[in-house]
Amino acid sequence: MTGIRARIIGTGAYLPKKSVSNDELAKTVDTSDEWVRQRTGIESRHIAGEGETTSFMATEAARQALKNAGIDGSDIDVIVLATTTPDQTFPATAVTVQDNIGMGDHGFAFDVQAVCSGFVYALSVANNFVTTGQVKRALVIGADHFTSILDWEDRTTCVLFGDGAAAVVLEGHAGSERGIVSTHLHSEGRHRDLLYVDGGPSTTGTTGHVRMNGQEVFRHAVTRMSEAVKEALDANGLTAADVDWLVPHQANRRIIESTAKKLKMPLEKVVLTVGKHGNTSAASIPLALHEAVQDGRIRENDLLLLEAMGGGLTWGSALVRW
């Protein structure tokens, strides 16, 4: 084949030091370990402490990804950082990471916001920069301090989420079969009130808290994520049997199991980390990806399918040949 393909050459991750189990959470929230486990599969989540800002977590994940890729920050041409919880309204959190990793001023950095679909969106944007030859290397990060926008008296939402960051380094390779094969993005604004934050600079002047219609989000998630997977497979003349690993957004074990069942994919081919991390929003998929790469499950030439759905509603998928 001809043309440039964006290959993932390094992954990295950061989870806050503090891990909180369901039992610990039940001391301050009206819930129980059994209630949370049965409905979500979540056992614990990481909660950022003092100094563990979104930019800090993103920087730590980026540094590890760069180290695993065998390159320096100065080798990166663009940073695309997916987050819903930036350090500040502006500037973009990505420019803080740019400074922290020593990238210098030869490239550019910016944030994208698609909530839990953020990493797939950011990967797609960065992939376009690489495959058109505009950049040689891109750093794609998913990072969220999601617990900072939770209402800790709303047990239907606060038990679901956690904090964290993860990153991948993309590098352009001409004539390669390995790398990002295709990406597929969607949104539907008329469902924006199913999952949202009830604040913002131009409305309330406050940060606000997460509000969610859980049943409707569950229903849409199973449908839309299954559609995104099918779209990626159909676009490339493949079937679910061709996929080595499904790397889904880690929102809820029941959603992931329902999606896998709909696709007739065995759970043995699904990367599951939601039990340990909870829903880390934009960090969710790259955290799962990093873990499966580090423990050796994902090997060269494996075919991966990444898929997510988030507030907006937004959803999408990415097919990657490792």
C-alpha atoms as a PDB file:
ATOM      1  CA  MET A   1       0.000   0.000   0.000  1.00  0.00           C
ATOM      2  CA  THR A   2       1.014   3.627  -0.327  1.00  0.00           C
ATOM      3  CA  GLY A   3       0.490   6.644   1.877  1.00  0.00           C
ATOM      4  CA  ILE A   4       1.248   7.341   5.520  1.00  0.00           C
ATOM      5  CA  ARG A   5      -0.243   5.485   8.450  1.00  0.00           C
ATOM      6  CA  ALA A   6      -0.056   6.742  12.068  1.00  0.00           C
ATOM      7  CA  ARG A   7       1.454   4.019  14.212  1.00  0.00           C
ATOM      8  CA  ILE A   8       1.247   3.979  18.019  1.00  0.00           C
ATOM      9  CA  ILE A   9       4.851   3.674  19.182  1.00  0.00           C
ATOM     10  CA  GLY A  10       4.436   4.249  22.928  1.00  0.00           C
ATOM     11  CA  THR A  11       1.809   4.333  25.677  1.00  0.00           C
ATOM     12  CA  GLY A  12       1.791   5.798  29.166  1.00  0.00           C
ATOM     13  CA  ALA A  13      -0.564   6.238  32.102  1.00  0.00           C
ATOM     14  CA  TYR A  14      -1.015   7.933  35.448  1.00  0.00           C
ATOM     15  CA  LEU A  15      -3.469   7.121  38.221  1.00  0.00           C
ATOM     16  CA  PRO A  16      -3.757   9.215  41.400  1.00  0.00           C
ATOM     17  CA  LYS A  17      -2.164   7.779  44.507  1.00  0.00           C
ATOM     18  CA  LYS A  18      -5.453   7.553  46.413  1.00  0.00           C
ATOM     19  CA  SER A  19      -7.638   4.559  45.578  1.00  0.00           C
ATOM     20  CA  VAL A  20     -11.084   4.434  47.194  1.00  0.00           C
ATOM     21  CA  SER A  21     -13.049   1.181  47.463  1.00  0.00           C
ATOM     22  CA  ASN A  22     -16.823   0.936  47.446  1.00  0.00           C
ATOM     23  CA  ASP A  23     -16.793   0.161  51.171  1.00  0.00           C
ATOM     24  CA  GLU A  24     -14.747   3.300  51.871  1.00  0.00           C
ATOM     25  CA  LEU A  25     -17.084   5.356  49.703  1.00  0.00           C
ATOM     26  CA  ALA A  26     -20.089   3.961  51.577  1.00  0.00           C
ATOM     27  CA  LYS A  27     -18.852   5.681  54.742  1.00  0.00           C
ATOM     28  CA  THR A  28     -19.709   9.076  53.251  1.00  0.00           C
ATOM     29  CA  VAL A  29     -22.175   8.235  50.461  1.00  0.00           C
ATOM     30  CA  ASP A  30     -25.543   6.450  50.783  1.00  0.00           C
ATOM     31  CA  THR A  31     -24.464   3.320  48.899  1.00  0.00           C
ATOM     32  CA  SER A  32     -22.945  -0.124  49.398  1.00  0.00           C
ATOM     33  CA  ASP A  33     -20.322  -2.308  47.788  1.00  0.00           C
ATOM     34  CA  GLU A  34     -23.035  -4.749  46.662  1.00  0.00           C
ATOM     35  CA  TRP A  35     -25.177  -1.978  45.097  1.00  0.00           C
ATOM     36  CA  VAL A  36     -22.279  -0.532  43.089  1.00  0.00           C
ATOM     37  CA  ARG A  37     -20.800  -3.877  42.006  1.00  0.00           C
ATOM     38  CA  GLN A  38     -24.108  -5.348  40.833  1.00  0.00           C
ATOM     39  CA  ARG A  39     -25.035  -2.321  38.741  1.00  0.00           C
ATOM     40  CA  THR A  40     -21.638  -1.289  37.380  1.00  0.00           C
ATOM     41  CA  GLY A  41     -18.911  -3.846  38.077  1.00  0.00           C
ATOM     42  CA  ILE A  42     -16.880  -1.088  39.735  1.00  0.00           C
ATOM     43  CA  GLU A  43     -14.905  -2.089  42.835  1.00  0.00           C
ATOM     44  CA  SER A  44     -12.747   0.997  43.364  1.00  0.00           C
ATOM     45  CA  ARG A  45     -11.682   4.250  41.770  1.00  0.00           C
ATOM     46  CA  HIS A  46      -8.742   6.665  42.012  1.00  0.00           C
ATOM     47  CA  ILE A  47      -9.395  10.157  43.342  1.00  0.00           C
ATOM     48  CA  ALA A  48      -6.922  12.946  42.654  1.00  0.00           C
ATOM     49  CA  GLY A  49      -5.381  14.644  45.667  1.00  0.00           C
ATOM     50  CA  GLU A  50      -3.664  17.960  46.186  1.00  0.00           C
ATOM     51  CA  GLY A  51      -1.485  18.872  43.191  1.00  0.00           C
ATOM     52  CA  GLU A  52      -2.855  16.059  41.031  1.00  0.00           C
ATOM     53  CA  THR A  53      -4.452  18.405  38.520  1.00  0.00           C
ATOM     54  CA  THR A  54      -5.485  17.399  35.025  1.00  0.00           C
ATOM     55  CA  SER A  55      -2.266  18.874  33.602  1.00  0.00           C
ATOM     56  CA  PHE A  56      -0.152  17.080  36.216  1.00  0.00           C
ATOM     57  CA  MET A  57      -1.733  13.698  35.460  1.00  0.00           C
ATOM     58  CA  ALA A  58      -1.553  14.342  31.709  1.00  0.00           C
ATOM     59  CA  THR A  59       2.113  15.296  31.970  1.00  0.00           C
ATOM     60  CA  GLU A  60       3.017  12.164  33.924  1.00  0.00           C
ATOM     61  CA  ALA A  61       1.206   9.955  31.402  1.00  0.00           C
ATOM     62  CA  ALA A  62       2.870  11.810  28.524  1.00  0.00           C
ATOM     63  CA  ARG A  63       6.348  11.393  29.998  1.00  0.00           C
ATOM     64  CA  GLN A  64       5.837   7.653  30.361  1.00  0.00           C
ATOM     65  CA  ALA A  65       4.522   7.359  26.798  1.00  0.00           C
ATOM     66  CA  LEU A  66       7.524   9.298  25.483  1.00  0.00           C
ATOM     67  CA  LYS A  67       9.908   7.089  27.468  1.00  0.00           C
ATOM     68  CA  ASN A  68       8.260   3.927  26.146  1.00  0.00           C
ATOM     69  CA  ALA A  69       8.462   5.350  22.611  1.00  0.00           C
ATOM     70  CA  GLY A  70      12.154   6.123  23.080  1.00  0.00           C
ATOM     71  CA  ILE A  71      11.816   9.810  22.190  1.00  0.00           C
ATOM     72  CA  ASP A  72      11.856  13.206  23.914  1.00  0.00           C
ATOM     73  CA  GLY A  73       9.245  15.930  24.209  1.00  0.00           C
ATOM     74  CA  SER A  74      11.166  17.971  21.663  1.00  0.00           C
ATOM     75  CA  ASP A  75      10.415  15.262  19.063  1.00  0.00           C
ATOM     76  CA  ILE A  76       6.651  15.890  19.287  1.00  0.00           C
ATOM     77  CA  ASP A  77       5.009  18.155  16.705  1.00  0.00           C
ATOM     78  CA  VAL A  78       1.475  18.346  18.116  1.00  0.00           C
ATOM     79  CA  ILE A  79      -0.354  17.551  21.362  1.00  0.00           C
ATOM     80  CA  VAL A  80      -4.069  16.826  21.219  1.00  0.00           C
ATOM     81  CA  LEU A  81      -5.431  16.535  24.748  1.00  0.00           C
ATOM     82  CA  ALA A  82      -8.959  15.296  25.408  1.00  0.00           C
ATOM     83  CA  THR A  83     -10.452  16.573  28.658  1.00  0.00           C
ATOM     84  CA  THR A  84     -13.690  17.798  30.173  1.00  0.00           C
ATOM     85  CA  THR A  85     -11.953  19.105  33.289  1.00  0.00           C
ATOM     86  CA  PRO A  86      -9.248  21.570  32.180  1.00  0.00           C
ATOM     87  CA  ASP A  87      -7.055  23.269  34.754  1.00  0.00           C
ATOM     88  CA  GLN A  88      -8.485  26.615  33.688  1.00  0.00           C
ATOM     89  CA  THR A  89     -11.184  27.909  31.322  1.00  0.00           C
ATOM     90  CA  PHE A  90      -8.198  28.972  29.217  1.00  0.00           C
ATOM     91  CA  PRO A  91      -5.490  28.444  28.140  1.00  0.00           C
ATOM     92  CA  ALA A  92      -5.812  24.869  26.931  1.00  0.00           C
ATOM     93  CA  THR A  93      -4.398  22.300  29.343  1.00  0.00           C
ATOM     94  CA  ALA A  94      -2.395  20.933  26.404  1.00  0.00           C
ATOM     95  CA  VAL A  95      -0.110  23.985  26.350  1.00  0.00           C
ATOM     96  CA  THR A  96       0.821  23.356  29.997  1.00  0.00           C
ATOM     97  CA  VAL A  97       1.785  19.800  29.047  1.00  0.00           C
ATOM     98  CA  GLN A  98       3.695  21.182  26.050  1.00  0.00           C
ATOM     99  CA  ASP A  99       5.796  23.295  28.408  1.00  0.00           C
ATOM    100  CA  ASN A 100       6.200  20.528  30.995  1.00  0.00           C
ATOM    101  CA  ILE A 101       7.605  17.957  28.547  1.00  0.00           C
ATOM    102  CA  GLY A 102      10.038  20.376  26.891  1.00  0.00           C
ATOM    103  CA  MET A 103       8.371  20.346  23.506  1.00  0.00           C
ATOM    104  CA  GLY A 104       9.406  23.906  22.776  1.00  0.00           C
ATOM    105  CA  ASP A 105       7.670  26.185  20.295  1.00  0.00           C
ATOM    106  CA  HIS A 106       8.143  24.351  16.993  1.00  0.00           C
ATOM    107  CA  GLY A 107       4.756  22.622  17.176  1.00  0.00           C
ATOM    108  CA  PHE A 108       1.297  23.273  18.572  1.00  0.00           C
ATOM    109  CA  ALA A 109      -1.004  21.994  21.302  1.00  0.00           C
ATOM    110  CA  PHE A 110      -4.731  22.183  21.966  1.00  0.00           C
ATOM    111  CA  ASP A 111      -7.605  20.522  23.835  1.00  0.00           C
ATOM    112  CA  VAL A 112     -10.671  18.736  22.475  1.00  0.00           C
ATOM    113  CA  GLN A 113     -13.869  18.173  24.453  1.00  0.00           C
ATOM    114  CA  ALA A 114     -16.131  15.205  23.741  1.00  0.00           C
ATOM    115  CA  VAL A 115     -16.385  13.887  27.311  1.00  0.00           C
ATOM    116  CA  CYS A 116     -16.058  10.071  27.397  1.00  0.00           C
ATOM    117  CA  SER A 117     -15.584   9.917  23.622  1.00  0.00           C
ATOM    118  CA  GLY A 118     -12.767  12.447  23.923  1.00  0.00           C
ATOM    119  CA  PHE A 119      -9.861  10.096  23.353  1.00  0.00           C
ATOM    120  CA  VAL A 120     -11.349   8.639  20.161  1.00  0.00           C
ATOM    121  CA  TYR A 121     -12.024  12.171  18.919  1.00  0.00           C
ATOM    122  CA  ALA A 122      -8.477  13.302  19.798  1.00  0.00           C
ATOM    123  CA  LEU A 123      -6.966  10.207  18.173  1.00  0.00           C
ATOM    124  CA  SER A 124      -8.916  10.895  15.000  1.00  0.00           C
ATOM    125  CA  VAL A 125      -7.801  14.533  14.875  1.00  0.00           C
ATOM    126  CA  ALA A 126      -4.145  13.644  15.480  1.00  0.00           C
ATOM    127  CA  ASN A 127      -4.324  10.821  12.946  1.00  0.00           C
ATOM    128  CA  ASN A 128      -5.426  13.313  10.284  1.00  0.00           C
ATOM    129  CA  PHE A 129      -2.440  15.559  11.022  1.00  0.00           C
ATOM    130  CA  VAL A 130      -0.055  12.614  10.699  1.00  0.00           C
ATOM    131  CA  THR A 131      -1.527  10.960   7.614  1.00  0.00           C
ATOM    132  CA  THR A 132      -1.637  14.221   5.663  1.00  0.00           C
ATOM    133  CA  GLY A 133       2.040  14.755   6.419  1.00  0.00           C
ATOM    134  CA  GLN A 134       1.469  17.948   8.404  1.00  0.00           C
ATOM    135  CA  VAL A 135       3.282  16.429  11.396  1.00  0.00           C
ATOM    136  CA  LYS A 136       5.611  13.490  11.934  1.00  0.00           C
ATOM    137  CA  ARG A 137       4.758  12.716  15.571  1.00  0.00           C
ATOM    138  CA  ALA A 138       1.726  13.445  17.704  1.00  0.00           C
ATOM    139  CA  LEU A 139       1.053  13.024  21.408  1.00  0.00           C
ATOM    140  CA  VAL A 140      -2.568  12.123  22.141  1.00  0.00           C
ATOM    141  CA  ILE A 141      -3.721  12.332  25.755  1.00  0.00           C
ATOM    142  CA  GLY A 142      -6.935  11.571  27.583  1.00  0.00           C
ATOM    143  CA  ALA A 143      -6.994  13.141  31.051  1.00  0.00           C
ATOM    144  CA  ASP A 144      -9.792  13.956  33.467  1.00  0.00           C
ATOM    145  CA  HIS A 145     -10.136  15.104  37.072  1.00  0.00           C
ATOM    146  CA  PHE A 146     -13.746  13.998  36.880  1.00  0.00           C
ATOM    147  CA  THR A 147     -14.323  13.833  40.628  1.00  0.00           C
ATOM    148  CA  SER A 148     -14.001  17.627  40.690  1.00  0.00           C
ATOM    149  CA  ILE A 149     -17.392  17.974  38.947  1.00  0.00           C
ATOM    150  CA  LEU A 150     -19.319  15.347  40.909  1.00  0.00           C
ATOM    151  CA  ASP A 151     -22.174  15.965  43.312  1.00  0.00           C
ATOM    152  CA  TRP A 152     -21.128  13.738  46.191  1.00  0.00           C
ATOM    153  CA  GLU A 153     -24.718  13.604  47.449  1.00  0.00           C
ATOM    154  CA  ASP A 154     -25.944  12.084  44.165  1.00  0.00           C
ATOM    155  CA  ARG A 155     -25.229   8.398  44.586  1.00  0.00           C
ATOM    156  CA  THR A 156     -26.394   7.623  41.049  1.00  0.00           C
ATOM    157  CA  THR A 157     -23.376   9.458  39.594  1.00  0.00           C
ATOM    158  CA  CYS A 158     -20.645   9.906  42.204  1.00  0.00           C
ATOM    159  CA  VAL A 159     -20.016   6.160  42.584  1.00  0.00           C
ATOM    160  CA  LEU A 160     -19.322   5.759  38.855  1.00  0.00           C
ATOM    161  CA  PHE A 161     -16.388   8.036  38.159  1.00  0.00           C
ATOM    162  CA  GLY A 162     -12.689   8.300  38.912  1.00  0.00           C
ATOM    163  CA  ASP A 163      -9.637  10.340  37.900  1.00  0.00           C
ATOM    164  CA  GLY A 164      -6.666   9.498  35.702  1.00  0.00           C
ATOM    165  CA  ALA A 165      -4.738  10.106  32.511  1.00  0.00           C
ATOM    166  CA  ALA A 166      -3.175   8.089  29.712  1.00  0.00           C
ATOM    167  CA  ALA A 167      -1.354   8.899  26.500  1.00  0.00           C
ATOM    168  CA  VAL A 168      -0.133   7.469  23.212  1.00  0.00           C
ATOM    169  CA  VAL A 169       2.567   8.638  20.814  1.00  0.00           C
ATOM    170  CA  LEU A 170       1.735   8.477  17.114  1.00  0.00           C
ATOM    171  CA  GLU A 171       4.411   8.388  14.434  1.00  0.00           C
ATOM    172  CA  GLY A 172       3.893   8.494  10.687  1.00  0.00           C
ATOM    173  CA  HIS A 173       5.156   5.547   8.632  1.00  0.00           C
ATOM    174  CA  ALA A 174       4.893   5.376   4.849  1.00  0.00           C
ATOM    175  CA  GLY A 175       3.642   2.163   3.286  1.00  0.00           C
ATOM    176  CA  SER A 176       2.874   0.512   6.631  1.00  0.00           C
ATOM    177  CA  GLU A 177      -0.004  -1.876   7.332  1.00  0.00           C
ATOM    178  CA  ARG A 178       0.305  -1.167  11.046  1.00  0.00           C
ATOM    179  CA  GLY A 179      -1.252   1.857  12.706  1.00  0.00           C
ATOM    180  CA  ILE A 180      -4.641   3.559  12.728  1.00  0.00           C
ATOM    181  CA  VAL A 181      -6.724   1.987   9.969  1.00  0.00           C
ATOM    182  CA  SER A 182      -9.807   4.205  10.269  1.00  0.00           C
ATOM    183  CA  THR A 183     -11.761   6.354  12.715  1.00  0.00           C
ATOM    184  CA  HIS A 184     -15.495   7.054  12.860  1.00  0.00           C
ATOM    185  CA  LEU A 185     -17.058   9.934  14.831  1.00  0.00           C
ATOM    186  CA  HIS A 186     -20.663  10.923  15.562  1.00  0.00           C
ATOM    187  CA  SER A 187     -22.736  13.233  17.756  1.00  0.00           C
ATOM    188  CA  GLU A 188     -26.410  13.936  18.369  1.00  0.00           C
ATOM    189  CA  GLY A 189     -27.067  17.213  20.181  1.00  0.00           C
ATOM    190  CA  ARG A 190     -30.758  16.641  20.794  1.00  0.00           C
ATOM    191  CA  HIS A 191     -29.820  14.153  23.519  1.00  0.00           C
ATOM    192  CA  ARG A 192     -27.440  16.532  25.292  1.00  0.00           C
ATOM    193  CA  ASP A 193     -29.710  16.679  28.373  1.00  0.00           C
ATOM    194  CA  LEU A 194     -29.229  12.955  29.107  1.00  0.00           C
ATOM    195  CA  LEU A 195     -25.706  13.536  30.441  1.00  0.00           C
ATOM    196  CA  TYR A 196     -24.434  17.029  31.188  1.00  0.00           C
ATOM    197  CA  VAL A 197     -22.954  19.422  33.731  1.00  0.00           C
ATOM    198  CA  ASP A 198     -25.370  22.023  35.114  1.00  0.00           C
ATOM    199  CA  GLY A 199     -22.938  24.937  34.953  1.00  0.00           C
ATOM    200  CA  GLY A 200     -20.575  26.878  32.750  1.00  0.00           C
ATOM    201  CA  PRO A 201     -18.943  30.302  32.192  1.00  0.00           C
ATOM    202  CA  SER A 202     -21.685  31.707  29.947  1.00  0.00           C
ATOM    203  CA  THR A 203     -24.675  30.315  31.878  1.00  0.00           C
ATOM    204  CA  THR A 204     -24.183  30.068  35.632  1.00  0.00           C
ATOM    205  CA  GLY A 205     -20.632  31.332  35.945  1.00  0.00           C
ATOM    206  CA  THR A 206     -19.894  28.206  38.008  1.00  0.00           C
ATOM    207  CA  THR A 207     -18.326  24.833  37.259  1.00  0.00           C
ATOM    208  CA  GLY A 208     -21.500  22.870  37.974  1.00  0.00           C
ATOM    209  CA  HIS A 209     -22.027  19.176  38.649  1.00  0.00           C
ATOM    210  CA  VAL A 210     -22.677  16.080  36.551  1.00  0.00           C
ATOM    211  CA  ARG A 211     -26.340  15.206  35.939  1.00  0.00           C
ATOM    212  CA  MET A 212     -27.361  11.984  34.218  1.00  0.00           C
ATOM    213  CA  ASN A 213     -30.415  10.028  33.136  1.00  0.00           C
ATOM    214  CA  GLY A 214     -28.812   6.668  33.800  1.00  0.00           C
ATOM    215  CA  GLN A 215     -31.351   4.372  32.130  1.00  0.00           C
ATOM    216  CA  GLU A 216     -31.442   6.354  28.904  1.00  0.00           C
ATOM    217  CA  VAL A 217     -27.653   6.704  28.781  1.00  0.00           C
ATOM    218  CA  PHE A 218     -27.298   2.934  29.250  1.00  0.00           C
ATOM    219  CA  ARG A 219     -29.736   2.266  26.394  1.00  0.00           C
ATOM    220  CA  HIS A 220     -28.044   4.699  24.026  1.00  0.00           C
ATOM    221  CA  ALA A 221     -24.562   3.475  24.986  1.00  0.00           C
ATOM    222  CA  VAL A 222     -25.221  -0.151  24.044  1.00  0.00           C
ATOM    223  CA  THR A 223     -26.848   0.866  20.770  1.00  0.00           C
ATOM    224  CA  ARG A 224     -24.401   3.565  19.698  1.00  0.00           C
ATOM    225  CA  MET A 225     -21.213   1.741  20.665  1.00  0.00           C
ATOM    226  CA  SER A 226     -22.377  -1.382  18.835  1.00  0.00           C
ATOM    227  CA  GLU A 227     -23.139   0.760  15.782  1.00  0.00           C
ATOM    228  CA  ALA A 228     -19.697   2.403  15.956  1.00  0.00           C
ATOM    229  CA  VAL A 229     -17.994  -0.986  16.049  1.00  0.00           C
ATOM    230  CA  LYS A 230     -20.072  -2.308  13.147  1.00  0.00           C
ATOM    231  CA  GLU A 231     -19.332   0.841  11.143  1.00  0.00           C
ATOM    232  CA  ALA A 232     -15.582   0.396  11.571  1.00  0.00           C
ATOM    233  CA  LEU A 233     -15.761  -3.274  10.606  1.00  0.00           C
ATOM    234  CA  ASP A 234     -18.013  -2.682   7.580  1.00  0.00           C
ATOM    235  CA  ALA A 235     -15.815   0.171   6.348  1.00  0.00           C
ATOM    236  CA  ASN A 236     -12.860  -2.208   6.206  1.00  0.00           C
ATOM    237  CA  GLY A 237     -14.589  -5.386   5.036  1.00  0.00           C
ATOM    238  CA  LEU A 238     -14.090  -7.154   8.371  1.00  0.00           C
ATOM    239  CA  THR A 239     -16.171  -9.041  10.930  1.00  0.00           C
ATOM    240  CA  ALA A 240     -16.011  -9.194  14.728  1.00  0.00           C
ATOM    241  CA  ALA A 241     -14.129 -12.477  14.371  1.00  0.00           C
ATOM    242  CA  ASP A 242     -11.212 -10.576  12.786  1.00  0.00           C
ATOM    243  CA  VAL A 243     -10.755  -8.416  15.895  1.00  0.00           C
ATOM    244  CA  ASP A 244      -8.151  -9.552  18.416  1.00  0.00           C
ATOM    245  CA  TRP A 245      -9.077  -7.063  21.138  1.00  0.00           C
ATOM    246  CA  LEU A 246     -12.039  -4.819  21.819  1.00  0.00           C
ATOM    247  CA  VAL A 247     -10.864  -1.854  23.918  1.00  0.00           C
ATOM    248  CA  PRO A 248     -14.078  -0.128  25.009  1.00  0.00           C
ATOM    249  CA  HIS A 249     -14.802   2.962  27.045  1.00  0.00           C
ATOM    250  CA  GLN A 250     -14.852   1.730  30.643  1.00  0.00           C
ATOM    251  CA  ALA A 251     -18.130   3.183  31.918  1.00  0.00           C
ATOM    252  CA  ASN A 252     -20.006   0.182  33.216  1.00  0.00           C
ATOM    253  CA  ARG A 253     -19.306  -3.543  33.033  1.00  0.00           C
ATOM    254  CA  ARG A 254     -22.940  -4.269  32.114  1.00  0.00           C
ATOM    255  CA  ILE A 255     -22.736  -1.894  29.141  1.00  0.00           C
ATOM    256  CA  ILE A 256     -19.497  -3.512  27.975  1.00  0.00           C
ATOM    257  CA  GLU A 257     -20.931  -7.030  28.345  1.00  0.00           C
ATOM    258  CA  SER A 258     -24.120  -6.053  26.514  1.00  0.00           C
ATOM    259  CA  THR A 259     -22.124  -4.499  23.682  1.00  0.00           C
ATOM    260  CA  ALA A 260     -19.876  -7.564  23.386  1.00  0.00           C
ATOM    261  CA  LYS A 261     -22.917  -9.863  23.389  1.00  0.00           C
ATOM    262  CA  LYS A 262     -24.586  -7.823  20.658  1.00  0.00           C
ATOM    263  CA  LEU A 263     -21.425  -8.190  18.560  1.00  0.00           C
ATOM    264  CA  LYS A 264     -21.065 -11.884  19.462  1.00  0.00           C
ATOM    265  CA  MET A 265     -17.594 -11.164  20.851  1.00  0.00           C
ATOM    266  CA  PRO A 266     -16.344 -13.316  23.753  1.00  0.00           C
ATOM    267  CA  LEU A 267     -15.382 -11.399  26.905  1.00  0.00           C
ATOM    268  CA  GLU A 268     -11.957 -13.024  26.660  1.00  0.00           C
ATOM    269  CA  LYS A 269     -11.279 -10.622  23.764  1.00  0.00           C
ATOM    270  CA  VAL A 270     -12.404  -7.534  25.699  1.00  0.00           C
ATOM    271  CA  VAL A 271     -10.015  -5.393  27.755  1.00  0.00           C
ATOM    272  CA  LEU A 272     -11.758  -4.661  31.074  1.00  0.00           C
ATOM    273  CA  THR A 273     -10.384  -2.207  33.650  1.00  0.00           C
ATOM    274  CA  VAL A 274     -13.586  -0.556  34.899  1.00  0.00           C
ATOM    275  CA  GLY A 275     -13.477  -2.555  38.130  1.00  0.00           C
ATOM    276  CA  LYS A 276     -10.260  -0.880  39.267  1.00  0.00           C
ATOM    277  CA  HIS A 277     -10.651   2.586  37.752  1.00  0.00           C
ATOM    278  CA  GLY A 278     -14.343   3.332  37.417  1.00  0.00           C
ATOM    279  CA  ASN A 279     -15.286   5.664  34.580  1.00  0.00           C
ATOM    280  CA  THR A 280     -12.333   7.983  33.970  1.00  0.00           C
ATOM    281  CA  SER A 281     -13.974   9.720  30.995  1.00  0.00           C
ATOM    282  CA  ALA A 282     -11.408  10.643  28.313  1.00  0.00           C
ATOM    283  CA  ALA A 283      -8.686   8.654  30.112  1.00  0.00           C
ATOM    284  CA  SER A 284     -10.720   5.459  30.053  1.00  0.00           C
ATOM    285  CA  ILE A 285      -9.757   3.896  26.707  1.00  0.00           C
ATOM    286  CA  PRO A 286      -6.040   4.786  26.778  1.00  0.00           C
ATOM    287  CA  LEU A 287      -5.753   3.507  30.376  1.00  0.00           C
ATOM    288  CA  ALA A 288      -7.183   0.155  29.276  1.00  0.00           C
ATOM    289  CA  LEU A 289      -4.970   0.153  26.184  1.00  0.00           C
ATOM    290  CA  HIS A 290      -1.827   0.894  28.203  1.00  0.00           C
ATOM    291  CA  GLU A 291      -2.554  -1.901  30.679  1.00  0.00           C
ATOM    292  CA  ALA A 292      -3.093  -4.489  27.934  1.00  0.00           C
ATOM    293  CA  VAL A 293       0.082  -3.382  26.145  1.00  0.00           C
ATOM    294  CA  GLN A 294       2.159  -3.485  29.329  1.00  0.00           C
ATOM    295  CA  ASP A 295       0.977  -6.934  30.419  1.00  0.00           C
ATOM    296  CA  GLY A 296       1.657  -8.379  26.970  1.00  0.00           C
ATOM    297  CA  ARG A 297      -1.904  -9.154  25.919  1.00  0.00           C
ATOM    298  CA  ILE A 298      -1.672  -6.847  22.925  1.00  0.00           C
ATOM    299  CA  ARG A 299       1.003  -7.974  20.479  1.00  0.00           C
ATOM    300  CA  GLU A 300       2.398  -6.775  17.179  1.00  0.00           C
ATOM    301  CA  ASN A 301      -0.094  -6.998  14.297  1.00  0.00           C
ATOM    302  CA  ASP A 302      -3.087  -7.539  16.614  1.00  0.00           C
ATOM    303  CA  LEU A 303      -6.240  -5.811  15.376  1.00  0.00           C
ATOM    304  CA  LEU A 304      -7.808  -3.537  18.004  1.00  0.00           C
ATOM    305  CA  LEU A 305     -11.202  -1.904  18.040  1.00  0.00           C
ATOM    306  CA  LEU A 306     -11.603   1.136  20.278  1.00  0.00           C
ATOM    307  CA  GLU A 307     -15.115   2.472  20.931  1.00  0.00           C
ATOM    308  CA  ALA A 308     -16.808   4.977  23.217  1.00  0.00           C
ATOM    309  CA  MET A 309     -19.892   7.054  23.933  1.00  0.00           C
ATOM    310  CA  GLY A 310     -20.108  10.220  26.000  1.00  0.00           C
ATOM    311  CA  GLY A 311     -22.195  13.258  26.796  1.00  0.00           C
ATOM    312  CA  GLY A 312     -23.359  15.271  23.825  1.00  0.00           C
ATOM    313  CA  LEU A 313     -24.260  12.635  22.888  1.00  0.00           C
ATOM    314  CA  THR A 314     -20.976  11.788  21.205  1.00  0.00           C
ATOM    315  CA  TRP A 315     -19.746   8.393  20.102  1.00  0.00           C
ATOM    316  CA  GLY A 316     -17.134   6.862  17.854  1.00  0.00           C
ATOM    317  CA  SER A 317     -14.681   4.092  17.095  1.00  0.00           C
ATOM    318  CA  ALA A 318     -11.152   3.556  15.866  1.00  0.00           C
ATOM    319  CA  LEU A 319      -9.665   0.475  14.209  1.00  0.00           C
ATOM    320  CA  VAL A 320      -5.953   0.024  14.933  1.00  0.00           C
ATOM    321  CA  ARG A 321      -3.466  -2.529  13.634  1.00  0.00           C
ATOM    322  CA  TRP A 322      -0.879  -2.861  16.385  1.00  0.00           C
END
